[in-house]
Full PDB file with SEQRES, HELIX, SHEET, SSBOND, CRYST1, ORIGX, SCALE, CONECT and MASTER records, all heavy atoms in Angstrom:
SEQRES   1 A   34  GLU VAL ASN GLY GLN PRO GLY ALA ILE LEU ARG ASP ARG          
SEQRES   2 A   34  ASP GLY GLY VAL ILE ASN ALA LEU ALA LEU ASP VAL LEU          
SEQRES   3 A   34  ASP GLY GLN VAL GLN ALA VAL ARG                              
SHEET    1 AA1 3 GLY A   7  ARG A  11  0                                        
SHEET    2 AA1 3 VAL A  17  LEU A  26 -1                                        
SHEET    3 AA1 3 GLN A  29  VAL A  33 -1                                        
CRYST1    1.000    1.000    1.000  90.00  90.00  90.00 P 1           1          
ORIGX1      1.000000  0.000000  0.000000        0.00000                         
ORIGX2      0.000000  1.000000  0.000000        0.00000                         
ORIGX3      0.000000  0.000000  1.000000        0.00000                         
SCALE1      1.000000  0.000000  0.000000        0.00000                         
SCALE2      0.000000  1.000000  0.000000        0.00000                         
SCALE3      0.000000  0.000000  1.000000        0.00000                         
ATOM      1  N   GLU A   1     245.928  -9.809  -6.415  1.00  0.00           N  
ATOM      2  CA  GLU A   1     245.044  -9.755  -7.568  1.00  0.00           C  
ATOM      3  C   GLU A   1     245.399 -10.898  -8.506  1.00  0.00           C  
ATOM      4  O   GLU A   1     246.572 -11.118  -8.822  1.00  0.00           O  
ATOM      5  CB  GLU A   1     245.195  -8.416  -8.281  1.00  0.00           C  
ATOM      6  CG  GLU A   1     244.048  -8.079  -9.206  1.00  0.00           C  
ATOM      7  CD  GLU A   1     244.046  -6.621  -9.634  1.00  0.00           C  
ATOM      8  OE1 GLU A   1     244.769  -6.311 -10.611  1.00  0.00           O  
ATOM      9  OE2 GLU A   1     243.352  -5.800  -9.013  1.00  0.00           O  
ATOM     10  N   VAL A   2     244.398 -11.638  -8.935  1.00  0.00           N  
ATOM     11  CA  VAL A   2     244.594 -12.734  -9.887  1.00  0.00           C  
ATOM     12  C   VAL A   2     243.690 -12.476 -11.083  1.00  0.00           C  
ATOM     13  O   VAL A   2     242.469 -12.389 -10.936  1.00  0.00           O  
ATOM     14  CB  VAL A   2     244.262 -14.099  -9.246  1.00  0.00           C  
ATOM     15  CG1 VAL A   2     244.392 -15.215 -10.281  1.00  0.00           C  
ATOM     16  CG2 VAL A   2     245.176 -14.371  -8.050  1.00  0.00           C  
ATOM     17  N   ASN A   3     244.286 -12.329 -12.239  1.00  0.00           N  
ATOM     18  CA  ASN A   3     243.536 -12.034 -13.463  1.00  0.00           C  
ATOM     19  C   ASN A   3     242.619 -10.823 -13.298  1.00  0.00           C  
ATOM     20  O   ASN A   3     241.452 -10.837 -13.696  1.00  0.00           O  
ATOM     21  CB  ASN A   3     242.743 -13.255 -13.914  1.00  0.00           C  
ATOM     22  CG  ASN A   3     243.653 -14.320 -14.504  1.00  0.00           C  
ATOM     23  OD1 ASN A   3     244.344 -15.029 -13.778  1.00  0.00           O  
ATOM     24  ND2 ASN A   3     243.681 -14.425 -15.820  1.00  0.00           N  
ATOM     25  N   GLY A   4     243.153  -9.789 -12.686  1.00  0.00           N  
ATOM     26  CA  GLY A   4     242.432  -8.532 -12.572  1.00  0.00           C  
ATOM     27  C   GLY A   4     241.325  -8.524 -11.543  1.00  0.00           C  
ATOM     28  O   GLY A   4     240.595  -7.536 -11.405  1.00  0.00           O  
ATOM     29  N   GLN A   5     241.160  -9.627 -10.790  1.00  0.00           N  
ATOM     30  CA  GLN A   5     240.104  -9.744  -9.780  1.00  0.00           C  
ATOM     31  C   GLN A   5     240.726 -10.173  -8.453  1.00  0.00           C  
ATOM     32  O   GLN A   5     241.870 -10.595  -8.395  1.00  0.00           O  
ATOM     33  CB  GLN A   5     239.050 -10.762 -10.234  1.00  0.00           C  
ATOM     34  CG  GLN A   5     238.455 -10.489 -11.605  1.00  0.00           C  
ATOM     35  CD  GLN A   5     237.740  -9.157 -11.694  1.00  0.00           C  
ATOM     36  OE1 GLN A   5     237.097  -8.720 -10.743  1.00  0.00           O  
ATOM     37  NE2 GLN A   5     237.859  -8.487 -12.848  1.00  0.00           N  
ATOM     38  N   PRO A   6     239.964 -10.071  -7.348  1.00  0.00           N  
ATOM     39  CA  PRO A   6     240.519 -10.500  -6.059  1.00  0.00           C  
ATOM     40  C   PRO A   6     240.897 -11.979  -6.088  1.00  0.00           C  
ATOM     41  O   PRO A   6     240.204 -12.797  -6.700  1.00  0.00           O  
ATOM     42  CB  PRO A   6     239.362 -10.259  -5.082  1.00  0.00           C  
ATOM     43  CG  PRO A   6     238.484  -9.268  -5.749  1.00  0.00           C  
ATOM     44  CD  PRO A   6     238.596  -9.542  -7.221  1.00  0.00           C  
ATOM     45  N   GLY A   7     241.994 -12.302  -5.443  1.00  0.00           N  
ATOM     46  CA  GLY A   7     242.428 -13.692  -5.398  1.00  0.00           C  
ATOM     47  C   GLY A   7     243.491 -13.889  -4.336  1.00  0.00           C  
ATOM     48  O   GLY A   7     243.717 -13.020  -3.487  1.00  0.00           O  
ATOM     49  N   ALA A   8     244.143 -15.025  -4.399  1.00  0.00           N  
ATOM     50  CA  ALA A   8     245.180 -15.338  -3.413  1.00  0.00           C  
ATOM     51  C   ALA A   8     246.069 -16.453  -3.949  1.00  0.00           C  
ATOM     52  O   ALA A   8     245.649 -17.257  -4.788  1.00  0.00           O  
ATOM     53  CB  ALA A   8     244.554 -15.757  -2.092  1.00  0.00           C  
ATOM     54  N   ILE A   9     247.287 -16.475  -3.438  1.00  0.00           N  
ATOM     55  CA  ILE A   9     248.221 -17.568  -3.690  1.00  0.00           C  
ATOM     56  C   ILE A   9     248.428 -18.320  -2.381  1.00  0.00           C  
ATOM     57  O   ILE A   9     248.627 -17.693  -1.331  1.00  0.00           O  
ATOM     58  CB  ILE A   9     249.578 -17.050  -4.206  1.00  0.00           C  
ATOM     59  CG1 ILE A   9     249.392 -16.267  -5.521  1.00  0.00           C  
ATOM     60  CG2 ILE A   9     250.560 -18.201  -4.411  1.00  0.00           C  
ATOM     61  CD1 ILE A   9     248.844 -17.081  -6.660  1.00  0.00           C  
ATOM     62  N   LEU A  10     248.373 -19.643  -2.431  1.00  0.00           N  
ATOM     63  CA  LEU A  10     248.666 -20.463  -1.255  1.00  0.00           C  
ATOM     64  C   LEU A  10     250.057 -21.062  -1.428  1.00  0.00           C  
ATOM     65  O   LEU A  10     250.373 -21.627  -2.489  1.00  0.00           O  
ATOM     66  CB  LEU A  10     247.633 -21.576  -1.084  1.00  0.00           C  
ATOM     67  CG  LEU A  10     246.357 -21.217  -0.303  1.00  0.00           C  
ATOM     68  CD1 LEU A  10     245.533 -20.192  -1.062  1.00  0.00           C  
ATOM     69  CD2 LEU A  10     245.526 -22.454  -0.012  1.00  0.00           C  
ATOM     70  N   ARG A  11     250.868 -20.929  -0.378  1.00  0.00           N  
ATOM     71  CA  ARG A  11     252.246 -21.437  -0.415  1.00  0.00           C  
ATOM     72  C   ARG A  11     252.491 -22.381   0.752  1.00  0.00           C  
ATOM     73  O   ARG A  11     251.926 -22.196   1.842  1.00  0.00           O  
ATOM     74  CB  ARG A  11     253.251 -20.280  -0.342  1.00  0.00           C  
ATOM     75  CG  ARG A  11     253.142 -19.284  -1.495  1.00  0.00           C  
ATOM     76  CD  ARG A  11     254.190 -18.186  -1.362  1.00  0.00           C  
ATOM     77  NE  ARG A  11     254.032 -17.153  -2.378  1.00  0.00           N  
ATOM     78  CZ  ARG A  11     254.581 -17.198  -3.589  1.00  0.00           C  
ATOM     79  NH1 ARG A  11     255.355 -18.231  -3.906  1.00  0.00           N  
ATOM     80  NH2 ARG A  11     254.380 -16.233  -4.459  1.00  0.00           N  
ATOM     81  N   ASP A  12     253.374 -23.367   0.528  1.00  0.00           N  
ATOM     82  CA  ASP A  12     253.739 -24.253   1.632  1.00  0.00           C  
ATOM     83  C   ASP A  12     254.756 -23.569   2.528  1.00  0.00           C  
ATOM     84  O   ASP A  12     255.143 -22.415   2.298  1.00  0.00           O  
ATOM     85  CB  ASP A  12     254.248 -25.595   1.104  1.00  0.00           C  
ATOM     86  CG  ASP A  12     255.610 -25.504   0.403  1.00  0.00           C  
ATOM     87  OD1 ASP A  12     256.220 -24.413   0.390  1.00  0.00           O  
ATOM     88  OD2 ASP A  12     256.061 -26.529  -0.135  1.00  0.00           O  
ATOM     89  N   ARG A  13     255.206 -24.243   3.544  1.00  0.00           N  
ATOM     90  CA  ARG A  13     256.102 -23.624   4.535  1.00  0.00           C  
ATOM     91  C   ARG A  13     257.435 -23.191   3.942  1.00  0.00           C  
ATOM     92  O   ARG A  13     258.140 -22.341   4.505  1.00  0.00           O  
ATOM     93  CB  ARG A  13     256.343 -24.586   5.705  1.00  0.00           C  
ATOM     94  CG  ARG A  13     257.004 -25.888   5.323  1.00  0.00           C  
ATOM     95  CD  ARG A  13     257.509 -26.620   6.578  1.00  0.00           C  
ATOM     96  NE  ARG A  13     256.419 -26.928   7.484  1.00  0.00           N  
ATOM     97  CZ  ARG A  13     255.708 -28.058   7.479  1.00  0.00           C  
ATOM     98  NH1 ARG A  13     255.972 -28.983   6.545  1.00  0.00           N  
ATOM     99  NH2 ARG A  13     254.766 -28.278   8.351  1.00  0.00           N  
ATOM    100  N   ASP A  14     257.790 -23.750   2.779  1.00  0.00           N  
ATOM    101  CA  ASP A  14     259.046 -23.369   2.123  1.00  0.00           C  
ATOM    102  C   ASP A  14     258.851 -22.309   1.046  1.00  0.00           C  
ATOM    103  O   ASP A  14     259.801 -21.961   0.338  1.00  0.00           O  
ATOM    104  CB  ASP A  14     259.704 -24.608   1.498  1.00  0.00           C  
ATOM    105  CG  ASP A  14     260.066 -25.656   2.547  1.00  0.00           C  
ATOM    106  OD1 ASP A  14     260.571 -25.256   3.624  1.00  0.00           O  
ATOM    107  OD2 ASP A  14     259.833 -26.852   2.296  1.00  0.00           O  
ATOM    108  N   GLY A  15     257.621 -21.807   0.926  1.00  0.00           N  
ATOM    109  CA  GLY A  15     257.346 -20.773  -0.058  1.00  0.00           C  
ATOM    110  C   GLY A  15     256.917 -21.298  -1.418  1.00  0.00           C  
ATOM    111  O   GLY A  15     256.706 -20.517  -2.348  1.00  0.00           O  
ATOM    112  N   GLY A  16     256.814 -22.616  -1.553  1.00  0.00           N  
ATOM    113  CA  GLY A  16     256.390 -23.188  -2.827  1.00  0.00           C  
ATOM    114  C   GLY A  16     254.917 -22.930  -3.095  1.00  0.00           C  
ATOM    115  O   GLY A  16     254.090 -22.955  -2.180  1.00  0.00           O  
ATOM    116  N   VAL A  17     254.586 -22.694  -4.351  1.00  0.00           N  
ATOM    117  CA  VAL A  17     253.200 -22.386  -4.727  1.00  0.00           C  
ATOM    118  C   VAL A  17     252.382 -23.671  -4.817  1.00  0.00           C  
ATOM    119  O   VAL A  17     252.755 -24.614  -5.523  1.00  0.00           O  
ATOM    120  CB  VAL A  17     253.149 -21.652  -6.083  1.00  0.00           C  
ATOM    121  CG1 VAL A  17     251.700 -21.360  -6.478  1.00  0.00           C  
ATOM    122  CG2 VAL A  17     253.962 -20.369  -6.017  1.00  0.00           C  
ATOM    123  N   ILE A  18     251.267 -23.695  -4.099  1.00  0.00           N  
ATOM    124  CA  ILE A  18     250.370 -24.842  -4.114  1.00  0.00           C  
ATOM    125  C   ILE A  18     249.163 -24.582  -5.002  1.00  0.00           C  
ATOM    126  O   ILE A  18     248.697 -25.456  -5.718  1.00  0.00           O  
ATOM    127  CB  ILE A  18     249.861 -25.152  -2.684  1.00  0.00           C  
ATOM    128  CG1 ILE A  18     251.022 -25.474  -1.751  1.00  0.00           C  
ATOM    129  CG2 ILE A  18     248.846 -26.287  -2.698  1.00  0.00           C  
ATOM    130  CD1 ILE A  18     250.601 -25.588  -0.297  1.00  0.00           C  
ATOM    131  N   ASN A  19     248.689 -23.344  -4.943  1.00  0.00           N  
ATOM    132  CA  ASN A  19     247.355 -23.086  -5.471  1.00  0.00           C  
ATOM    133  C   ASN A  19     247.208 -21.599  -5.767  1.00  0.00           C  
ATOM    134  O   ASN A  19     247.825 -20.766  -5.110  1.00  0.00           O  
ATOM    135  CB  ASN A  19     246.351 -23.509  -4.387  1.00  0.00           C  
ATOM    136  CG  ASN A  19     244.914 -23.489  -4.841  1.00  0.00           C  
ATOM    137  OD1 ASN A  19     244.631 -23.120  -5.979  1.00  0.00           O  
ATOM    138  ND2 ASN A  19     244.008 -23.857  -3.957  1.00  0.00           N  
ATOM    139  N   ALA A  20     246.392 -21.278  -6.762  1.00  0.00           N  
ATOM    140  CA  ALA A  20     245.989 -19.899  -7.015  1.00  0.00           C  
ATOM    141  C   ALA A  20     244.466 -19.847  -6.983  1.00  0.00           C  
ATOM    142  O   ALA A  20     243.805 -20.635  -7.665  1.00  0.00           O  
ATOM    143  CB  ALA A  20     246.505 -19.412  -8.364  1.00  0.00           C  
ATOM    144  N   LEU A  21     243.923 -18.951  -6.168  1.00  0.00           N  
ATOM    145  CA  LEU A  21     242.473 -18.780  -6.053  1.00  0.00           C  
ATOM    146  C   LEU A  21     242.063 -17.485  -6.740  1.00  0.00           C  
ATOM    147  O   LEU A  21     242.722 -16.456  -6.582  1.00  0.00           O  
ATOM    148  CB  LEU A  21     242.047 -18.697  -4.588  1.00  0.00           C  
ATOM    149  CG  LEU A  21     242.071 -19.959  -3.731  1.00  0.00           C  
ATOM    150  CD1 LEU A  21     241.686 -19.609  -2.301  1.00  0.00           C  
ATOM    151  CD2 LEU A  21     241.132 -21.015  -4.291  1.00  0.00           C  
ATOM    152  N   ALA A  22     240.968 -17.529  -7.482  1.00  0.00           N  
ATOM    153  CA  ALA A  22     240.426 -16.325  -8.103  1.00  0.00           C  
ATOM    154  C   ALA A  22     238.947 -16.228  -7.754  1.00  0.00           C  
ATOM    155  O   ALA A  22     238.218 -17.223  -7.831  1.00  0.00           O  
ATOM    156  CB  ALA A  22     240.606 -16.376  -9.617  1.00  0.00           C  
ATOM    157  N   LEU A  23     238.498 -15.026  -7.363  1.00  0.00           N  
ATOM    158  CA  LEU A  23     237.107 -14.812  -6.972  1.00  0.00           C  
ATOM    159  C   LEU A  23     236.386 -13.958  -8.013  1.00  0.00           C  
ATOM    160  O   LEU A  23     236.970 -13.033  -8.571  1.00  0.00           O  
ATOM    161  CB  LEU A  23     237.030 -14.083  -5.620  1.00  0.00           C  
ATOM    162  CG  LEU A  23     237.837 -14.635  -4.443  1.00  0.00           C  
ATOM    163  CD1 LEU A  23     237.587 -13.776  -3.208  1.00  0.00           C  
ATOM    164  CD2 LEU A  23     237.489 -16.089  -4.175  1.00  0.00           C  
ATOM    165  N   ASP A  24     235.122 -14.271  -8.240  1.00  0.00           N  
ATOM    166  CA  ASP A  24     234.228 -13.382  -8.986  1.00  0.00           C  
ATOM    167  C   ASP A  24     233.343 -12.693  -7.954  1.00  0.00           C  
ATOM    168  O   ASP A  24     232.645 -13.380  -7.198  1.00  0.00           O  
ATOM    169  CB  ASP A  24     233.331 -14.155  -9.956  1.00  0.00           C  
ATOM    170  CG  ASP A  24     234.077 -14.698 -11.152  1.00  0.00           C  
ATOM    171  OD1 ASP A  24     235.267 -14.355 -11.302  1.00  0.00           O  
ATOM    172  OD2 ASP A  24     233.476 -15.452 -11.933  1.00  0.00           O  
ATOM    173  N   VAL A  25     233.386 -11.359  -7.919  1.00  0.00           N  
ATOM    174  CA  VAL A  25     232.614 -10.602  -6.931  1.00  0.00           C  
ATOM    175  C   VAL A  25     231.617  -9.698  -7.649  1.00  0.00           C  
ATOM    176  O   VAL A  25     231.984  -8.950  -8.550  1.00  0.00           O  
ATOM    177  CB  VAL A  25     233.544  -9.746  -6.038  1.00  0.00           C  
ATOM    178  CG1 VAL A  25     232.722  -8.914  -5.055  1.00  0.00           C  
ATOM    179  CG2 VAL A  25     234.523 -10.634  -5.292  1.00  0.00           C  
ATOM    180  N   LEU A  26     230.351  -9.779  -7.238  1.00  0.00           N  
ATOM    181  CA  LEU A  26     229.298  -8.944  -7.811  1.00  0.00           C  
ATOM    182  C   LEU A  26     228.186  -8.765  -6.791  1.00  0.00           C  
ATOM    183  O   LEU A  26     227.839  -9.718  -6.070  1.00  0.00           O  
ATOM    184  CB  LEU A  26     228.736  -9.583  -9.088  1.00  0.00           C  
ATOM    185  CG  LEU A  26     227.601  -8.819  -9.779  1.00  0.00           C  
ATOM    186  CD1 LEU A  26     228.113  -7.500 -10.343  1.00  0.00           C  
ATOM    187  CD2 LEU A  26     226.985  -9.670 -10.882  1.00  0.00           C  
ATOM    188  N   ASP A  27     227.632  -7.553  -6.737  1.00  0.00           N  
ATOM    189  CA  ASP A  27     226.506  -7.250  -5.849  1.00  0.00           C  
ATOM    190  C   ASP A  27     226.809  -7.596  -4.395  1.00  0.00           C  
ATOM    191  O   ASP A  27     225.958  -8.114  -3.665  1.00  0.00           O  
ATOM    192  CB  ASP A  27     225.241  -7.991  -6.308  1.00  0.00           C  
ATOM    193  CG  ASP A  27     224.790  -7.565  -7.699  1.00  0.00           C  
ATOM    194  OD1 ASP A  27     225.068  -6.401  -8.072  1.00  0.00           O  
ATOM    195  OD2 ASP A  27     224.179  -8.378  -8.406  1.00  0.00           O  
ATOM    196  N   GLY A  28     228.049  -7.333  -3.994  1.00  0.00           N  
ATOM    197  CA  GLY A  28     228.410  -7.536  -2.595  1.00  0.00           C  
ATOM    198  C   GLY A  28     228.535  -8.987  -2.182  1.00  0.00           C  
ATOM    199  O   GLY A  28     228.518  -9.290  -0.976  1.00  0.00           O  
ATOM    200  N   GLN A  29     228.685  -9.898  -3.147  1.00  0.00           N  
ATOM    201  CA  GLN A  29     228.813 -11.321  -2.827  1.00  0.00           C  
ATOM    202  C   GLN A  29     229.828 -11.986  -3.748  1.00  0.00           C  
ATOM    203  O   GLN A  29     230.061 -11.534  -4.867  1.00  0.00           O  
ATOM    204  CB  GLN A  29     227.461 -12.029  -2.983  1.00  0.00           C  
ATOM    205  CG  GLN A  29     226.403 -11.588  -1.982  1.00  0.00           C  
ATOM    206  CD  GLN A  29     225.096 -12.319  -2.214  1.00  0.00           C  
ATOM    207  OE1 GLN A  29     224.600 -12.405  -3.331  1.00  0.00           O  
ATOM    208  NE2 GLN A  29     224.523 -12.859  -1.144  1.00  0.00           N  
ATOM    209  N   VAL A  30     230.406 -13.069  -3.266  1.00  0.00           N  
ATOM    210  CA  VAL A  30     231.301 -13.877  -4.091  1.00  0.00           C  
ATOM    211  C   VAL A  30     230.435 -14.828  -4.910  1.00  0.00           C  
ATOM    212  O   VAL A  30     229.692 -15.641  -4.356  1.00  0.00           O  
ATOM    213  CB  VAL A  30     232.292 -14.671  -3.222  1.00  0.00           C  
ATOM    214  CG1 VAL A  30     233.141 -15.594  -4.099  1.00  0.00           C  
ATOM    215  CG2 VAL A  30     233.186 -13.727  -2.426  1.00  0.00           C  
ATOM    216  N   GLN A  31     230.527 -14.706  -6.228  1.00  0.00           N  
ATOM    217  CA  GLN A  31     229.705 -15.506  -7.126  1.00  0.00           C  
ATOM    218  C   GLN A  31     230.375 -16.834  -7.514  1.00  0.00           C  
ATOM    219  O   GLN A  31     229.692 -17.805  -7.831  1.00  0.00           O  
ATOM    220  CB  GLN A  31     229.401 -14.715  -8.405  1.00  0.00           C  
ATOM    221  CG  GLN A  31     228.817 -13.343  -8.172  1.00  0.00           C  
ATOM    222  CD  GLN A  31     227.389 -13.394  -7.665  1.00  0.00           C  
ATOM    223  OE1 GLN A  31     226.639 -14.292  -8.008  1.00  0.00           O  
ATOM    224  NE2 GLN A  31     227.004 -12.419  -6.852  1.00  0.00           N  
ATOM    225  N   ALA A  32     231.709 -16.841  -7.537  1.00  0.00           N  
ATOM    226  CA  ALA A  32     232.439 -18.055  -7.921  1.00  0.00           C  
ATOM    227  C   ALA A  32     233.825 -18.025  -7.296  1.00  0.00           C  
ATOM    228  O   ALA A  32     234.421 -16.958  -7.108  1.00  0.00           O  
ATOM    229  CB  ALA A  32     232.546 -18.171  -9.445  1.00  0.00           C  
ATOM    230  N   VAL A  33     234.312 -19.216  -6.964  1.00  0.00           N  
ATOM    231  CA  VAL A  33     235.681 -19.388  -6.470  1.00  0.00           C  
ATOM    232  C   VAL A  33     236.333 -20.413  -7.385  1.00  0.00           C  
ATOM    233  O   VAL A  33     235.864 -21.549  -7.500  1.00  0.00           O  
ATOM    234  CB  VAL A  33     235.704 -19.900  -5.016  1.00  0.00           C  
ATOM    235  CG1 VAL A  33     237.155 -20.014  -4.530  1.00  0.00           C  
ATOM    236  CG2 VAL A  33     234.898 -18.989  -4.094  1.00  0.00           C  
ATOM    237  N   ARG A  34     237.403 -19.986  -8.055  1.00  0.00           N  
ATOM    238  CA  ARG A  34     238.114 -20.882  -8.967  1.00  0.00           C  
ATOM    239  C   ARG A  34     239.505 -21.156  -8.410  1.00  0.00           C  
ATOM    240  O   ARG A  34     240.210 -20.236  -8.018  1.00  0.00           O  
ATOM    241  CB  ARG A  34     238.197 -20.287 -10.371  1.00  0.00           C  
ATOM    242  CG  ARG A  34     236.831 -20.117 -11.026  1.00  0.00           C  
ATOM    243  CD  ARG A  34     236.951 -19.631 -12.468  1.00  0.00           C  
ATOM    244  NE  ARG A  34     235.642 -19.536 -13.101  1.00  0.00           N  
ATOM    245  CZ  ARG A  34     234.846 -18.475 -13.027  1.00  0.00           C  
ATOM    246  NH1 ARG A  34     235.254 -17.405 -12.351  1.00  0.00           N  
ATOM    247  NH2 ARG A  34     233.670 -18.471 -13.612  1.00  0.00           N  
TER     248      ARG A  34                                                      
MASTER        0    0    0    0    3    0    0    6  247    1    0    3          
END                                                                             
């Protein structure tokens, strides 16, 4: 969960954080990917 909504963390092979993804979901569809 990222900011109370579905999301994900991407890590490199050593566990370092590369990226955080946050999704806006409404009406059964993803409205935005940040």
